[in-house]
Amino acid sequence: MQEPPPPPAPLVETTRVVGVATAVWFLLWAGLLVAHLAGGRPLDIWFGTTLCGWLLGLAGYSVFRWQRWAARTGRRGAQRGVD
C-alpha cells in the first residue's frame, strides 16, 4: 500500500497557520468594534465570538511557543518534534 503524500508545506507550518487565524479573528473583532463606535451597531454574539476567537488564538499561540522553547532547551517534559 502506497503512503499518501505529505500535506502542503504552508498548512504544516503551525506558526503561520495559527498566526494568520489569530490575526483574522482580531481584524474581525476590531471591525465590529469600529462599527459599534462609528455606526451604532450593537455588540451582539458576533462581537463576543470574535473576541473569544482572538483570545483563544493568543492563548494557543502562547502554548505553542512555550512548547517550542521547552523542546529547544531540552526540557524533560517537552514534546519532541515541535519545530
N, C-alpha and C. Protein backbone atom coordinates (compact mmCIF):
# COMPACT_ATOMS: atom_id res chain seq x y z
N MET A 1 0.84 -1.18 0.00
CA MET A 1 0.00 0.00 0.00
C MET A 1 0.88 1.25 0.00
N GLN A 2 0.54 2.17 -0.86
CA GLN A 2 1.33 3.39 -1.01
C GLN A 2 0.94 4.42 0.04
N GLU A 3 1.94 5.10 0.59
CA GLU A 3 1.68 6.13 1.60
C GLU A 3 1.13 7.39 0.92
N PRO A 4 0.23 8.09 1.58
CA PRO A 4 -0.29 9.33 0.99
C PRO A 4 0.79 10.40 0.97
N PRO A 5 0.69 11.34 0.05
CA PRO A 5 1.69 12.42 0.01
C PRO A 5 1.55 13.32 1.23
N PRO A 6 2.64 13.95 1.62
CA PRO A 6 2.57 14.86 2.77
C PRO A 6 1.70 16.07 2.45
N PRO A 7 1.12 16.69 3.47
CA PRO A 7 0.32 17.89 3.21
C PRO A 7 1.20 19.04 2.73
N PRO A 8 0.60 20.02 2.08
CA PRO A 8 1.38 21.17 1.59
C PRO A 8 2.09 21.88 2.74
N ALA A 9 3.29 22.35 2.47
CA ALA A 9 4.13 22.99 3.49
C ALA A 9 3.45 24.17 4.19
N PRO A 10 2.73 25.05 3.46
CA PRO A 10 2.09 26.18 4.17
C PRO A 10 1.07 25.74 5.22
N LEU A 11 0.46 24.58 5.04
CA LEU A 11 -0.53 24.11 6.01
C LEU A 11 0.11 23.41 7.19
N VAL A 12 1.38 23.04 7.07
CA VAL A 12 2.07 22.34 8.15
C VAL A 12 2.79 23.32 9.06
N GLU A 13 3.11 24.48 8.56
CA GLU A 13 3.81 25.50 9.35
C GLU A 13 2.84 26.06 10.38
N THR A 14 2.89 25.52 11.58
CA THR A 14 1.92 25.86 12.62
C THR A 14 1.99 27.33 12.98
N THR A 15 3.16 27.89 13.03
CA THR A 15 3.30 29.30 13.39
C THR A 15 2.51 30.17 12.43
N ARG A 16 2.63 29.90 11.16
CA ARG A 16 1.94 30.72 10.16
C ARG A 16 0.43 30.52 10.23
N VAL A 17 0.00 29.28 10.34
CA VAL A 17 -1.44 28.99 10.36
C VAL A 17 -2.10 29.63 11.58
N VAL A 18 -1.52 29.42 12.75
CA VAL A 18 -2.10 29.97 13.98
C VAL A 18 -2.00 31.50 13.97
N GLY A 19 -0.90 32.03 13.51
CA GLY A 19 -0.73 33.48 13.46
C GLY A 19 -1.73 34.15 12.52
N VAL A 20 -1.93 33.58 11.35
CA VAL A 20 -2.89 34.15 10.40
C VAL A 20 -4.30 34.05 10.94
N ALA A 21 -4.66 32.91 11.49
CA ALA A 21 -6.02 32.74 12.04
C ALA A 21 -6.26 33.71 13.20
N THR A 22 -5.28 33.89 14.07
CA THR A 22 -5.43 34.82 15.19
C THR A 22 -5.56 36.26 14.68
N ALA A 23 -4.79 36.59 13.66
CA ALA A 23 -4.87 37.93 13.08
C ALA A 23 -6.24 38.17 12.44
N VAL A 24 -6.79 37.17 11.80
CA VAL A 24 -8.12 37.31 11.19
C VAL A 24 -9.18 37.53 12.27
N TRP A 25 -9.11 36.76 13.36
CA TRP A 25 -10.06 36.96 14.45
C TRP A 25 -9.95 38.38 15.00
N PHE A 26 -8.70 38.87 15.15
CA PHE A 26 -8.51 40.22 15.67
C PHE A 26 -9.09 41.27 14.72
N LEU A 27 -8.84 41.10 13.43
CA LEU A 27 -9.36 42.07 12.46
C LEU A 27 -10.88 42.10 12.45
N LEU A 28 -11.50 40.94 12.55
CA LEU A 28 -12.96 40.88 12.62
C LEU A 28 -13.47 41.56 13.88
N TRP A 29 -12.81 41.29 15.00
CA TRP A 29 -13.20 41.92 16.26
C TRP A 29 -13.05 43.44 16.18
N ALA A 30 -11.93 43.91 15.66
CA ALA A 30 -11.69 45.34 15.54
C ALA A 30 -12.71 45.98 14.60
N GLY A 31 -13.04 45.30 13.52
CA GLY A 31 -14.04 45.83 12.60
C GLY A 31 -15.41 45.97 13.25
N LEU A 32 -15.80 44.98 14.04
CA LEU A 32 -17.08 45.07 14.75
C LEU A 32 -17.05 46.17 15.81
N LEU A 33 -15.91 46.35 16.46
CA LEU A 33 -15.79 47.42 17.44
C LEU A 33 -15.89 48.79 16.78
N VAL A 34 -15.24 48.96 15.66
CA VAL A 34 -15.33 50.23 14.92
C VAL A 34 -16.76 50.46 14.44
N ALA A 35 -17.41 49.40 13.95
CA ALA A 35 -18.80 49.54 13.51
C ALA A 35 -19.71 49.93 14.67
N HIS A 36 -19.42 49.44 15.85
CA HIS A 36 -20.21 49.82 17.02
C HIS A 36 -19.97 51.27 17.40
N LEU A 37 -18.72 51.67 17.43
CA LEU A 37 -18.40 53.04 17.84
C LEU A 37 -18.81 54.08 16.80
N ALA A 38 -18.66 53.77 15.53
CA ALA A 38 -18.94 54.74 14.48
C ALA A 38 -20.40 54.71 14.02
N GLY A 39 -20.95 53.52 13.92
CA GLY A 39 -22.28 53.44 13.33
C GLY A 39 -23.38 52.98 14.26
N GLY A 40 -23.08 52.74 15.49
CA GLY A 40 -24.10 52.33 16.43
C GLY A 40 -24.52 50.88 16.32
N ARG A 41 -23.70 50.05 15.70
CA ARG A 41 -24.03 48.63 15.60
C ARG A 41 -23.98 48.02 17.00
N PRO A 42 -24.99 47.22 17.35
CA PRO A 42 -24.99 46.66 18.71
C PRO A 42 -23.88 45.62 18.89
N LEU A 43 -23.39 45.51 20.11
CA LEU A 43 -22.41 44.48 20.44
C LEU A 43 -23.17 43.19 20.69
N ASP A 44 -23.22 42.33 19.69
CA ASP A 44 -24.01 41.12 19.77
C ASP A 44 -23.12 39.88 19.87
N ILE A 45 -23.68 38.75 19.53
CA ILE A 45 -22.96 37.47 19.64
C ILE A 45 -21.71 37.43 18.77
N TRP A 46 -21.74 38.13 17.65
CA TRP A 46 -20.57 38.13 16.76
C TRP A 46 -19.39 38.83 17.42
N PHE A 47 -19.66 39.89 18.15
CA PHE A 47 -18.58 40.59 18.84
C PHE A 47 -17.93 39.68 19.87
N GLY A 48 -18.75 39.01 20.67
CA GLY A 48 -18.22 38.09 21.69
C GLY A 48 -17.49 36.91 21.07
N THR A 49 -18.02 36.41 19.96
CA THR A 49 -17.38 35.27 19.28
C THR A 49 -16.02 35.64 18.75
N THR A 50 -15.91 36.80 18.11
CA THR A 50 -14.61 37.20 17.56
C THR A 50 -13.62 37.51 18.67
N LEU A 51 -14.10 38.09 19.77
CA LEU A 51 -13.21 38.36 20.90
C LEU A 51 -12.67 37.04 21.48
N CYS A 52 -13.56 36.07 21.66
CA CYS A 52 -13.11 34.75 22.17
C CYS A 52 -12.16 34.07 21.19
N GLY A 53 -12.46 34.16 19.90
CA GLY A 53 -11.57 33.57 18.90
C GLY A 53 -10.18 34.18 18.95
N TRP A 54 -10.13 35.49 19.09
CA TRP A 54 -8.84 36.18 19.16
C TRP A 54 -8.09 35.79 20.43
N LEU A 55 -8.77 35.81 21.58
CA LEU A 55 -8.09 35.48 22.83
C LEU A 55 -7.66 34.02 22.90
N LEU A 56 -8.49 33.12 22.40
CA LEU A 56 -8.10 31.71 22.36
C LEU A 56 -6.94 31.48 21.39
N GLY A 57 -6.92 32.23 20.29
CA GLY A 57 -5.79 32.15 19.37
C GLY A 57 -4.50 32.60 20.03
N LEU A 58 -4.57 33.69 20.79
CA LEU A 58 -3.38 34.15 21.52
C LEU A 58 -2.92 33.12 22.55
N ALA A 59 -3.88 32.54 23.26
CA ALA A 59 -3.52 31.53 24.26
C ALA A 59 -2.90 30.30 23.59
N GLY A 60 -3.49 29.85 22.50
CA GLY A 60 -2.95 28.69 21.79
C GLY A 60 -1.57 28.96 21.23
N TYR A 61 -1.39 30.14 20.68
CA TYR A 61 -0.08 30.51 20.14
C TYR A 61 0.96 30.58 21.25
N SER A 62 0.55 31.08 22.42
CA SER A 62 1.48 31.15 23.55
C SER A 62 1.91 29.76 24.01
N VAL A 63 0.96 28.84 24.09
CA VAL A 63 1.30 27.47 24.48
C VAL A 63 2.21 26.84 23.44
N PHE A 64 1.92 27.07 22.18
CA PHE A 64 2.75 26.53 21.11
C PHE A 64 4.18 27.07 21.21
N ARG A 65 4.34 28.37 21.43
CA ARG A 65 5.68 28.95 21.55
C ARG A 65 6.40 28.42 22.79
N TRP A 66 5.67 28.24 23.87
CA TRP A 66 6.24 27.70 25.10
C TRP A 66 6.75 26.29 24.87
N GLN A 67 5.98 25.46 24.16
CA GLN A 67 6.42 24.11 23.86
C GLN A 67 7.66 24.10 22.97
N ARG A 68 7.70 25.00 21.99
CA ARG A 68 8.90 25.08 21.13
C ARG A 68 10.12 25.47 21.94
N TRP A 69 9.96 26.44 22.85
CA TRP A 69 11.06 26.86 23.70
C TRP A 69 11.53 25.70 24.56
N ALA A 70 10.59 24.95 25.15
CA ALA A 70 10.95 23.82 26.02
C ALA A 70 11.67 22.73 25.21
N ALA A 71 11.23 22.48 23.99
CA ALA A 71 11.88 21.47 23.16
C ALA A 71 13.30 21.90 22.78
N ARG A 72 13.46 23.18 22.45
CA ARG A 72 14.78 23.68 22.06
C ARG A 72 15.77 23.66 23.20
N THR A 73 15.30 23.93 24.41
CA THR A 73 16.21 23.97 25.55
C THR A 73 16.37 22.61 26.22
N GLY A 74 15.70 21.60 25.69
CA GLY A 74 15.88 20.24 26.20
C GLY A 74 15.15 19.95 27.50
N ARG A 75 14.06 20.62 27.75
CA ARG A 75 13.29 20.37 28.97
C ARG A 75 12.74 18.96 28.95
N ARG A 76 12.68 18.35 30.11
CA ARG A 76 12.31 16.95 30.22
C ARG A 76 10.86 16.68 29.78
N GLY A 77 9.93 17.54 30.10
CA GLY A 77 8.52 17.29 29.78
C GLY A 77 8.11 17.83 28.43
N ALA A 78 9.05 18.32 27.63
CA ALA A 78 8.70 18.95 26.36
C ALA A 78 8.34 17.91 25.32
N GLN A 79 7.47 18.33 24.41
CA GLN A 79 7.14 17.48 23.28
C GLN A 79 8.32 17.43 22.33
N ARG A 80 8.46 16.34 21.66
CA ARG A 80 9.55 16.20 20.68
C ARG A 80 9.00 16.45 19.28
N GLY A 81 9.82 16.98 18.41
CA GLY A 81 9.42 17.22 17.04
C GLY A 81 8.62 18.48 16.84
N VAL A 82 8.62 19.39 17.80
CA VAL A 82 7.90 20.65 17.66
C VAL A 82 8.91 21.70 17.21
N ASP A 83 9.01 21.90 15.93
CA ASP A 83 9.98 22.88 15.39
C ASP A 83 9.30 23.91 14.67
